Amino acid sequence: MGGAERNARKRKQQQTAARSVAQARGVAGGDKKKVVAITVAVVVLAALVIGGVLWTTSSKDTTEGKVIQAQTTTSAPGVVEKRDGAVVIVGKPEAKKTIDIYADFLCPVCKQFEESFKGQIQEQVNNGVLQVRYHMLPMLNQRSDPPGYSLDSANASLAAADAGKFLAFHDALFKDQPQEGARGFDKAQLIKLGADVGITDPAFAIAVNTGAYEQQVKDAYAKISKDPSLQQDFGNGPGFGTPTVTANGQVVKLEDGWVQKVVA
């Protein structure tokens, strides 16, 4: 092999080696970019997870330390609030029409029901036409965190009825309703609300703290939830749900004008 050929071959080998090095650097550079990209993605994901946990925790505990706002509930002279076991009867004794309302203080649809029809119902109660039987149930008792708010609030509302303050207590709990799946109001907050709506009898706080009516509420719910006359089809077969309203033993369809139809 001549000198010229040897030089040409040497140059070719050098060029090949240079290309290999460049390719290797490119691969290494690409790998580094991938590593950086993956690292950034992991960091971002971790930040989102941590932020989500913090937001969820913060959102869950929005009721902690909160003062439930007392509501102004105006009842006409002669309107009586009376507890009968686990039921609270509100109205004038001479009222000719009666409805039963089955609800849960944690039920979002029950809150919507109150917002839509509370004024119409109260008008007929104040007029002496309608008497209402309230059944406050612990249907969503496991849906608060920690569980138990539905039962605590139902029990407290019965104690408020003993003091003649059921409607004011009831309206405040729906107005300031906790989020389903989050923290409810604790017993101290329920007792504070009682004081704010005008309950002065120490028996109220005792009844709340001891769960005086909890067994009555649970027994009533067990019976109501299995009552065939209260079953409705909510899209997945017959069952009981809140809110449910009955008049003359029949479930009322909650559409516009139903209050007027009931009292007509």
C-alpha atoms as a PDB file:
ATOM      1  CA  MET A   1       0.000   0.000   0.000  1.00  0.00           C
ATOM      2  CA  GLY A   2       1.468   3.390  -1.093  1.00  0.00           C
ATOM      3  CA  GLY A   3       1.797   6.418   1.149  1.00  0.00           C
ATOM      4  CA  ALA A   4      -1.077   8.221  -0.529  1.00  0.00           C
ATOM      5  CA  GLU A   5      -3.374   5.263   0.029  1.00  0.00           C
ATOM      6  CA  ARG A   6      -2.296   4.942   3.634  1.00  0.00           C
ATOM      7  CA  ASN A   7      -3.011   8.642   4.215  1.00  0.00           C
ATOM      8  CA  ALA A   8      -6.433   8.382   2.576  1.00  0.00           C
ATOM      9  CA  ARG A   9      -7.324   5.328   4.666  1.00  0.00           C
ATOM     10  CA  LYS A  10      -6.166   7.094   7.828  1.00  0.00           C
ATOM     11  CA  ARG A  11      -8.296  10.133   7.043  1.00  0.00           C
ATOM     12  CA  LYS A  12     -11.330   7.888   6.457  1.00  0.00           C
ATOM     13  CA  GLN A  13     -10.784   6.142   9.810  1.00  0.00           C
ATOM     14  CA  GLN A  14     -10.524   9.480  11.565  1.00  0.00           C
ATOM     15  CA  GLN A  15     -13.728  10.702   9.935  1.00  0.00           C
ATOM     16  CA  THR A  16     -15.534   7.508  10.938  1.00  0.00           C
ATOM     17  CA  ALA A  17     -14.291   7.826  14.510  1.00  0.00           C
ATOM     18  CA  ALA A  18     -15.379  11.460  14.632  1.00  0.00           C
ATOM     19  CA  ARG A  19     -18.877  10.538  13.433  1.00  0.00           C
ATOM     20  CA  SER A  20     -19.104   7.817  16.074  1.00  0.00           C
ATOM     21  CA  VAL A  21     -18.089  10.231  18.800  1.00  0.00           C
ATOM     22  CA  ALA A  22     -20.615  12.790  17.565  1.00  0.00           C
ATOM     23  CA  GLN A  23     -23.348  10.154  17.453  1.00  0.00           C
ATOM     24  CA  ALA A  24     -22.415   8.968  20.913  1.00  0.00           C
ATOM     25  CA  ARG A  25     -22.552  12.523  22.169  1.00  0.00           C
ATOM     26  CA  GLY A  26     -25.919  12.978  20.506  1.00  0.00           C
ATOM     27  CA  VAL A  27     -27.286   9.858  22.142  1.00  0.00           C
ATOM     28  CA  ALA A  28     -25.843  10.880  25.475  1.00  0.00           C
ATOM     29  CA  GLY A  29     -27.271  14.344  25.035  1.00  0.00           C
ATOM     30  CA  GLY A  30     -30.650  12.872  24.153  1.00  0.00           C
ATOM     31  CA  ASP A  31     -30.559  10.618  27.193  1.00  0.00           C
ATOM     32  CA  LYS A  32     -29.689  13.574  29.369  1.00  0.00           C
ATOM     33  CA  LYS A  33     -32.604  15.509  27.920  1.00  0.00           C
ATOM     34  CA  LYS A  34     -34.899  12.571  28.592  1.00  0.00           C
ATOM     35  CA  VAL A  35     -33.640  12.302  32.156  1.00  0.00           C
ATOM     36  CA  VAL A  36     -34.152  16.029  32.690  1.00  0.00           C
ATOM     37  CA  ALA A  37     -37.646  15.862  31.174  1.00  0.00           C
ATOM     38  CA  ILE A  38     -38.611  12.879  33.325  1.00  0.00           C
ATOM     39  CA  THR A  39     -37.200  14.556  36.424  1.00  0.00           C
ATOM     40  CA  VAL A  40     -39.164  17.728  35.728  1.00  0.00           C
ATOM     41  CA  ALA A  41     -42.343  15.701  35.130  1.00  0.00           C
ATOM     42  CA  VAL A  42     -41.910  13.849  38.419  1.00  0.00           C
ATOM     43  CA  VAL A  43     -41.332  17.096  40.306  1.00  0.00           C
ATOM     44  CA  VAL A  44     -44.410  18.695  38.725  1.00  0.00           C
ATOM     45  CA  LEU A  45     -46.524  15.619  39.450  1.00  0.00           C
ATOM     46  CA  ALA A  46     -45.336  15.555  43.049  1.00  0.00           C
ATOM     47  CA  ALA A  47     -46.175  19.247  43.424  1.00  0.00           C
ATOM     48  CA  LEU A  48     -49.656  18.656  41.998  1.00  0.00           C
ATOM     49  CA  VAL A  49     -50.249  15.712  44.333  1.00  0.00           C
ATOM     50  CA  ILE A  50     -49.028  17.639  47.379  1.00  0.00           C
ATOM     51  CA  GLY A  51     -51.053  20.683  46.348  1.00  0.00           C
ATOM     52  CA  GLY A  52     -54.113  18.504  45.791  1.00  0.00           C
ATOM     53  CA  VAL A  53     -53.761  16.904  49.209  1.00  0.00           C
ATOM     54  CA  LEU A  54     -53.359  20.298  50.863  1.00  0.00           C
ATOM     55  CA  TRP A  55     -56.345  21.710  48.968  1.00  0.00           C
ATOM     56  CA  THR A  56     -58.499  18.667  49.780  1.00  0.00           C
ATOM     57  CA  THR A  57     -57.579  18.833  53.450  1.00  0.00           C
ATOM     58  CA  SER A  58     -58.237  22.567  53.546  1.00  0.00           C
ATOM     59  CA  SER A  59     -61.546  22.144  51.731  1.00  0.00           C
ATOM     60  CA  LYS A  60     -62.566  19.244  53.953  1.00  0.00           C
ATOM     61  CA  ASP A  61     -62.040  21.232  57.130  1.00  0.00           C
ATOM     62  CA  THR A  62     -63.772  24.479  56.148  1.00  0.00           C
ATOM     63  CA  THR A  63     -66.337  24.037  58.937  1.00  0.00           C
ATOM     64  CA  GLU A  64     -63.735  23.782  61.693  1.00  0.00           C
ATOM     65  CA  GLY A  65     -64.097  26.713  64.096  1.00  0.00           C
ATOM     66  CA  LYS A  66     -66.890  28.215  62.000  1.00  0.00           C
ATOM     67  CA  VAL A  67     -69.854  29.866  63.682  1.00  0.00           C
ATOM     68  CA  ILE A  68     -73.105  28.681  62.107  1.00  0.00           C
ATOM     69  CA  GLN A  69     -75.082  31.763  61.194  1.00  0.00           C
ATOM     70  CA  ALA A  70     -78.450  32.017  62.946  1.00  0.00           C
ATOM     71  CA  GLN A  71     -81.338  32.676  60.571  1.00  0.00           C
ATOM     72  CA  THR A  72     -84.398  34.850  61.075  1.00  0.00           C
ATOM     73  CA  THR A  73     -87.412  32.549  60.880  1.00  0.00           C
ATOM     74  CA  THR A  74     -90.724  34.334  61.344  1.00  0.00           C
ATOM     75  CA  SER A  75     -93.661  32.250  62.490  1.00  0.00           C
ATOM     76  CA  ALA A  76     -97.140  33.724  62.841  1.00  0.00           C
ATOM     77  CA  PRO A  77     -98.859  33.830  66.230  1.00  0.00           C
ATOM     78  CA  GLY A  78    -100.388  30.469  67.006  1.00  0.00           C
ATOM     79  CA  VAL A  79     -97.798  28.405  65.125  1.00  0.00           C
ATOM     80  CA  VAL A  80     -96.607  25.671  67.467  1.00  0.00           C
ATOM     81  CA  GLU A  81     -93.427  23.580  67.315  1.00  0.00           C
ATOM     82  CA  LYS A  82     -93.813  20.267  69.107  1.00  0.00           C
ATOM     83  CA  ARG A  83     -91.645  17.156  69.249  1.00  0.00           C
ATOM     84  CA  ASP A  84     -93.424  13.804  69.031  1.00  0.00           C
ATOM     85  CA  GLY A  85     -90.744  11.125  69.406  1.00  0.00           C
ATOM     86  CA  ALA A  86     -88.414  11.523  66.428  1.00  0.00           C
ATOM     87  CA  VAL A  87     -90.863  13.772  64.564  1.00  0.00           C
ATOM     88  CA  VAL A  88     -91.255  17.547  64.887  1.00  0.00           C
ATOM     89  CA  ILE A  89     -94.713  18.947  64.169  1.00  0.00           C
ATOM     90  CA  VAL A  90     -94.912  22.593  63.101  1.00  0.00           C
ATOM     91  CA  GLY A  91     -98.143  24.489  62.468  1.00  0.00           C
ATOM     92  CA  LYS A  92    -101.380  25.694  63.936  1.00  0.00           C
ATOM     93  CA  PRO A  93    -103.475  22.999  65.620  1.00  0.00           C
ATOM     94  CA  GLU A  94    -106.502  23.859  63.464  1.00  0.00           C
ATOM     95  CA  ALA A  95    -104.661  23.294  60.152  1.00  0.00           C
ATOM     96  CA  LYS A  96    -106.663  21.023  57.832  1.00  0.00           C
ATOM     97  CA  LYS A  97    -103.801  19.848  55.645  1.00  0.00           C
ATOM     98  CA  THR A  98    -100.688  17.940  56.711  1.00  0.00           C
ATOM     99  CA  ILE A  99     -97.501  16.981  54.904  1.00  0.00           C
ATOM    100  CA  ASP A 100     -94.554  14.874  56.044  1.00  0.00           C
ATOM    101  CA  ILE A 101     -91.046  15.945  55.021  1.00  0.00           C
ATOM    102  CA  TYR A 102     -88.212  13.417  55.202  1.00  0.00           C
ATOM    103  CA  ALA A 103     -84.787  15.029  54.986  1.00  0.00           C
ATOM    104  CA  ASP A 104     -81.144  14.861  56.054  1.00  0.00           C
ATOM    105  CA  PHE A 105     -79.189  17.953  57.127  1.00  0.00           C
ATOM    106  CA  LEU A 106     -76.227  16.809  54.973  1.00  0.00           C
ATOM    107  CA  CYS A 107     -78.295  16.105  51.845  1.00  0.00           C
ATOM    108  CA  PRO A 108     -77.497  18.672  49.087  1.00  0.00           C
ATOM    109  CA  VAL A 109     -80.813  18.053  47.319  1.00  0.00           C
ATOM    110  CA  CYS A 110     -82.619  18.681  50.609  1.00  0.00           C
ATOM    111  CA  LYS A 111     -80.951  22.085  50.743  1.00  0.00           C
ATOM    112  CA  GLN A 112     -82.154  22.794  47.198  1.00  0.00           C
ATOM    113  CA  PHE A 113     -85.637  21.716  48.252  1.00  0.00           C
ATOM    114  CA  GLU A 114     -85.535  24.177  51.157  1.00  0.00           C
ATOM    115  CA  GLU A 115     -84.328  26.997  48.934  1.00  0.00           C
ATOM    116  CA  SER A 116     -87.074  26.316  46.388  1.00  0.00           C
ATOM    117  CA  PHE A 117     -90.093  25.649  48.586  1.00  0.00           C
ATOM    118  CA  LYS A 118     -89.422  26.821  52.150  1.00  0.00           C
ATOM    119  CA  GLY A 119     -91.149  30.188  51.608  1.00  0.00           C
ATOM    120  CA  GLN A 120     -94.276  28.610  50.116  1.00  0.00           C
ATOM    121  CA  ILE A 121     -94.520  26.042  52.897  1.00  0.00           C
ATOM    122  CA  GLN A 122     -94.027  28.641  55.634  1.00  0.00           C
ATOM    123  CA  GLU A 123     -96.680  30.891  54.121  1.00  0.00           C
ATOM    124  CA  GLN A 124     -99.267  28.102  54.290  1.00  0.00           C
ATOM    125  CA  VAL A 125     -98.173  27.228  57.841  1.00  0.00           C
ATOM    126  CA  ASN A 126     -98.503  30.854  58.955  1.00  0.00           C
ATOM    127  CA  ASN A 127    -101.910  31.069  57.311  1.00  0.00           C
ATOM    128  CA  GLY A 128    -103.085  28.144  59.418  1.00  0.00           C
ATOM    129  CA  VAL A 129    -103.752  25.989  56.364  1.00  0.00           C
ATOM    130  CA  LEU A 130    -100.834  23.565  56.596  1.00  0.00           C
ATOM    131  CA  GLN A 131     -99.160  21.562  59.323  1.00  0.00           C
ATOM    132  CA  VAL A 132     -95.737  20.022  58.661  1.00  0.00           C
ATOM    133  CA  ARG A 133     -94.273  16.886  60.203  1.00  0.00           C
ATOM    134  CA  TYR A 134     -90.472  16.965  59.923  1.00  0.00           C
ATOM    135  CA  HIS A 135     -88.511  13.708  59.946  1.00  0.00           C
ATOM    136  CA  MET A 136     -84.789  14.534  60.154  1.00  0.00           C
ATOM    137  CA  LEU A 137     -82.901  11.363  59.234  1.00  0.00           C
ATOM    138  CA  PRO A 138     -79.298  10.097  59.405  1.00  0.00           C
ATOM    139  CA  MET A 139     -79.350   8.696  55.867  1.00  0.00           C
ATOM    140  CA  LEU A 140     -75.936  10.198  55.012  1.00  0.00           C
ATOM    141  CA  ASN A 141     -74.377   9.561  58.405  1.00  0.00           C
ATOM    142  CA  GLN A 142     -71.319   7.904  56.845  1.00  0.00           C
ATOM    143  CA  ARG A 143     -70.875  10.680  54.258  1.00  0.00           C
ATOM    144  CA  SER A 144     -69.249  13.219  56.578  1.00  0.00           C
ATOM    145  CA  ASP A 145     -65.598  13.118  57.616  1.00  0.00           C
ATOM    146  CA  PRO A 146     -65.524  12.042  60.380  1.00  0.00           C
ATOM    147  CA  PRO A 147     -68.816  10.150  60.093  1.00  0.00           C
ATOM    148  CA  GLY A 148     -71.727  11.059  62.340  1.00  0.00           C
ATOM    149  CA  TYR A 149     -72.847  14.555  61.385  1.00  0.00           C
ATOM    150  CA  SER A 150     -76.285  13.537  60.077  1.00  0.00           C
ATOM    151  CA  LEU A 151     -77.122  11.823  63.361  1.00  0.00           C
ATOM    152  CA  ASP A 152     -75.643  14.586  65.530  1.00  0.00           C
ATOM    153  CA  SER A 153     -77.588  17.284  63.711  1.00  0.00           C
ATOM    154  CA  ALA A 154     -80.858  15.323  63.709  1.00  0.00           C
ATOM    155  CA  ASN A 155     -80.519  14.706  67.444  1.00  0.00           C
ATOM    156  CA  ALA A 156     -79.737  18.381  68.082  1.00  0.00           C
ATOM    157  CA  SER A 157     -82.757  19.499  66.037  1.00  0.00           C
ATOM    158  CA  LEU A 158     -85.055  17.414  68.239  1.00  0.00           C
ATOM    159  CA  ALA A 159     -83.513  19.004  71.319  1.00  0.00           C
ATOM    160  CA  ALA A 160     -84.088  22.412  69.700  1.00  0.00           C
ATOM    161  CA  ALA A 161     -87.732  21.455  69.181  1.00  0.00           C
ATOM    162  CA  ASP A 162     -88.037  20.829  72.926  1.00  0.00           C
ATOM    163  CA  ALA A 163     -87.036  24.465  73.375  1.00  0.00           C
ATOM    164  CA  GLY A 164     -89.468  25.693  70.702  1.00  0.00           C
ATOM    165  CA  LYS A 165     -86.629  26.642  68.337  1.00  0.00           C
ATOM    166  CA  PHE A 166     -86.720  23.875  65.754  1.00  0.00           C
ATOM    167  CA  LEU A 167     -87.409  26.008  62.678  1.00  0.00           C
ATOM    168  CA  ALA A 168     -84.680  28.542  63.453  1.00  0.00           C
ATOM    169  CA  PHE A 169     -82.205  25.725  64.113  1.00  0.00           C
ATOM    170  CA  HIS A 170     -83.338  23.758  61.038  1.00  0.00           C
ATOM    171  CA  ASP A 171     -83.105  26.739  58.691  1.00  0.00           C
ATOM    172  CA  ALA A 172     -79.614  27.696  59.907  1.00  0.00           C
ATOM    173  CA  LEU A 173     -78.230  24.189  59.357  1.00  0.00           C
ATOM    174  CA  PHE A 174     -79.498  24.091  55.787  1.00  0.00           C
ATOM    175  CA  LYS A 175     -78.338  27.635  55.039  1.00  0.00           C
ATOM    176  CA  ASP A 176     -74.795  26.814  56.247  1.00  0.00           C
ATOM    177  CA  GLN A 177     -74.852  23.189  55.105  1.00  0.00           C
ATOM    178  CA  PRO A 178     -71.461  21.419  55.224  1.00  0.00           C
ATOM    179  CA  GLN A 179     -70.181  19.769  52.062  1.00  0.00           C
ATOM    180  CA  GLU A 180     -71.005  16.095  51.677  1.00  0.00           C
ATOM    181  CA  GLY A 181     -67.815  14.073  52.212  1.00  0.00           C
ATOM    182  CA  ALA A 182     -66.207  16.807  54.292  1.00  0.00           C
ATOM    183  CA  ARG A 183     -66.241  17.732  57.959  1.00  0.00           C
ATOM    184  CA  GLY A 184     -69.651  18.450  59.478  1.00  0.00           C
ATOM    185  CA  PHE A 185     -70.287  20.688  62.467  1.00  0.00           C
ATOM    186  CA  ASP A 186     -69.304  19.244  65.832  1.00  0.00           C
ATOM    187  CA  LYS A 187     -71.473  19.167  68.938  1.00  0.00           C
ATOM    188  CA  ALA A 188     -69.925  22.334  70.364  1.00  0.00           C
ATOM    189  CA  GLN A 189     -70.848  24.220  67.180  1.00  0.00           C
ATOM    190  CA  LEU A 190     -74.394  22.849  67.301  1.00  0.00           C
ATOM    191  CA  ILE A 191     -74.712  23.960  70.930  1.00  0.00           C
ATOM    192  CA  LYS A 192     -73.404  27.421  70.006  1.00  0.00           C
ATOM    193  CA  LEU A 193     -76.054  27.656  67.272  1.00  0.00           C
ATOM    194  CA  GLY A 194     -78.704  26.726  69.821  1.00  0.00           C
ATOM    195  CA  ALA A 195     -77.608  29.609  72.021  1.00  0.00           C
ATOM    196  CA  ASP A 196     -77.566  31.972  69.022  1.00  0.00           C
ATOM    197  CA  VAL A 197     -81.174  31.131  68.091  1.00  0.00           C
ATOM    198  CA  GLY A 198     -82.283  31.822  71.646  1.00  0.00           C
ATOM    199  CA  ILE A 199     -82.123  28.509  73.504  1.00  0.00           C
ATOM    200  CA  THR A 200     -81.233  29.147  77.141  1.00  0.00           C
ATOM    201  CA  ASP A 201     -82.277  25.882  78.785  1.00  0.00           C
ATOM    202  CA  PRO A 202     -79.156  23.870  79.842  1.00  0.00           C
ATOM    203  CA  ALA A 203     -81.085  20.710  78.909  1.00  0.00           C
ATOM    204  CA  PHE A 204     -80.388  21.487  75.232  1.00  0.00           C
ATOM    205  CA  ALA A 205     -76.611  21.210  75.552  1.00  0.00           C
ATOM    206  CA  ILE A 206     -76.967  18.068  77.657  1.00  0.00           C
ATOM    207  CA  ALA A 207     -79.211  16.455  75.027  1.00  0.00           C
ATOM    208  CA  VAL A 208     -76.733  17.314  72.264  1.00  0.00           C
ATOM    209  CA  ASN A 209     -73.677  16.076  74.145  1.00  0.00           C
ATOM    210  CA  THR A 210     -75.295  12.851  75.334  1.00  0.00           C
ATOM    211  CA  GLY A 211     -77.124  12.052  72.095  1.00  0.00           C
ATOM    212  CA  ALA A 212     -80.415  11.913  73.972  1.00  0.00           C
ATOM    213  CA  TYR A 213     -82.543  11.195  70.889  1.00  0.00           C
ATOM    214  CA  GLU A 214     -80.051   9.321  68.730  1.00  0.00           C
ATOM    215  CA  GLN A 215     -81.619   5.901  69.244  1.00  0.00           C
ATOM    216  CA  GLN A 216     -85.062   7.240  68.421  1.00  0.00           C
ATOM    217  CA  VAL A 217     -83.694   8.801  65.232  1.00  0.00           C
ATOM    218  CA  LYS A 218     -81.940   5.582  64.186  1.00  0.00           C
ATOM    219  CA  ASP A 219     -84.994   3.451  64.914  1.00  0.00           C
ATOM    220  CA  ALA A 220     -87.210   5.828  62.934  1.00  0.00           C
ATOM    221  CA  TYR A 221     -84.870   5.768  59.955  1.00  0.00           C
ATOM    222  CA  ALA A 222     -84.666   1.971  59.983  1.00  0.00           C
ATOM    223  CA  LYS A 223     -88.462   1.821  59.763  1.00  0.00           C
ATOM    224  CA  ILE A 224     -88.878   4.640  57.246  1.00  0.00           C
ATOM    225  CA  SER A 225     -86.228   3.360  54.844  1.00  0.00           C
ATOM    226  CA  LYS A 226     -88.105   0.049  54.510  1.00  0.00           C
ATOM    227  CA  ASP A 227     -91.605   1.503  54.254  1.00  0.00           C
ATOM    228  CA  PRO A 228     -93.019   0.433  50.828  1.00  0.00           C
ATOM    229  CA  SER A 229     -95.215   3.537  50.649  1.00  0.00           C
ATOM    230  CA  LEU A 230     -92.104   5.765  50.683  1.00  0.00           C
ATOM    231  CA  GLN A 231     -90.186   3.933  47.956  1.00  0.00           C
ATOM    232  CA  GLN A 232     -89.454   5.763  44.718  1.00  0.00           C
ATOM    233  CA  ASP A 233     -87.607   4.860  41.537  1.00  0.00           C
ATOM    234  CA  PHE A 234     -84.528   7.075  41.303  1.00  0.00           C
ATOM    235  CA  GLY A 235     -83.275   5.410  38.120  1.00  0.00           C
ATOM    236  CA  ASN A 236     -81.792   2.255  39.595  1.00  0.00           C
ATOM    237  CA  GLY A 237     -84.862   0.589  41.024  1.00  0.00           C
ATOM    238  CA  PRO A 238     -87.172   1.373  43.957  1.00  0.00           C
ATOM    239  CA  GLY A 239     -85.640   2.806  47.099  1.00  0.00           C
ATOM    240  CA  PHE A 240     -85.946   5.487  49.727  1.00  0.00           C
ATOM    241  CA  GLY A 241     -84.261   8.852  49.312  1.00  0.00           C
ATOM    242  CA  THR A 242     -84.266  12.365  50.663  1.00  0.00           C
ATOM    243  CA  PRO A 243     -85.996  14.707  50.289  1.00  0.00           C
ATOM    244  CA  THR A 244     -89.305  12.879  50.251  1.00  0.00           C
ATOM    245  CA  VAL A 245     -92.642  14.589  50.861  1.00  0.00           C
ATOM    246  CA  THR A 246     -95.934  12.839  51.455  1.00  0.00           C
ATOM    247  CA  ALA A 247     -99.509  14.096  51.692  1.00  0.00           C
ATOM    248  CA  ASN A 248    -102.465  11.868  52.561  1.00  0.00           C
ATOM    249  CA  GLY A 249    -100.102   8.891  52.653  1.00  0.00           C
ATOM    250  CA  GLN A 250     -98.908   9.431  49.078  1.00  0.00           C
ATOM    251  CA  VAL A 251     -95.496  10.553  47.854  1.00  0.00           C
ATOM    252  CA  VAL A 252     -95.728  14.033  46.359  1.00  0.00           C
ATOM    253  CA  LYS A 253     -94.050  14.808  43.057  1.00  0.00           C
ATOM    254  CA  LEU A 254     -91.876  17.831  43.799  1.00  0.00           C
ATOM    255  CA  GLU A 255     -92.661  20.002  40.811  1.00  0.00           C
ATOM    256  CA  ASP A 256     -93.654  23.638  40.516  1.00  0.00           C
ATOM    257  CA  GLY A 257     -97.019  24.270  42.158  1.00  0.00           C
ATOM    258  CA  TRP A 258     -97.058  21.174  44.353  1.00  0.00           C
ATOM    259  CA  VAL A 259     -97.611  23.163  47.566  1.00  0.00           C
ATOM    260  CA  GLN A 260    -100.711  24.838  46.111  1.00  0.00           C
ATOM    261  CA  LYS A 261    -102.021  21.475  44.924  1.00  0.00           C
ATOM    262  CA  VAL A 262    -101.624  19.967  48.383  1.00  0.00           C
ATOM    263  CA  VAL A 263    -103.532  22.762  50.144  1.00  0.00           C
ATOM    264  CA  ALA A 264    -106.196  23.185  47.465  1.00  0.00           C
END
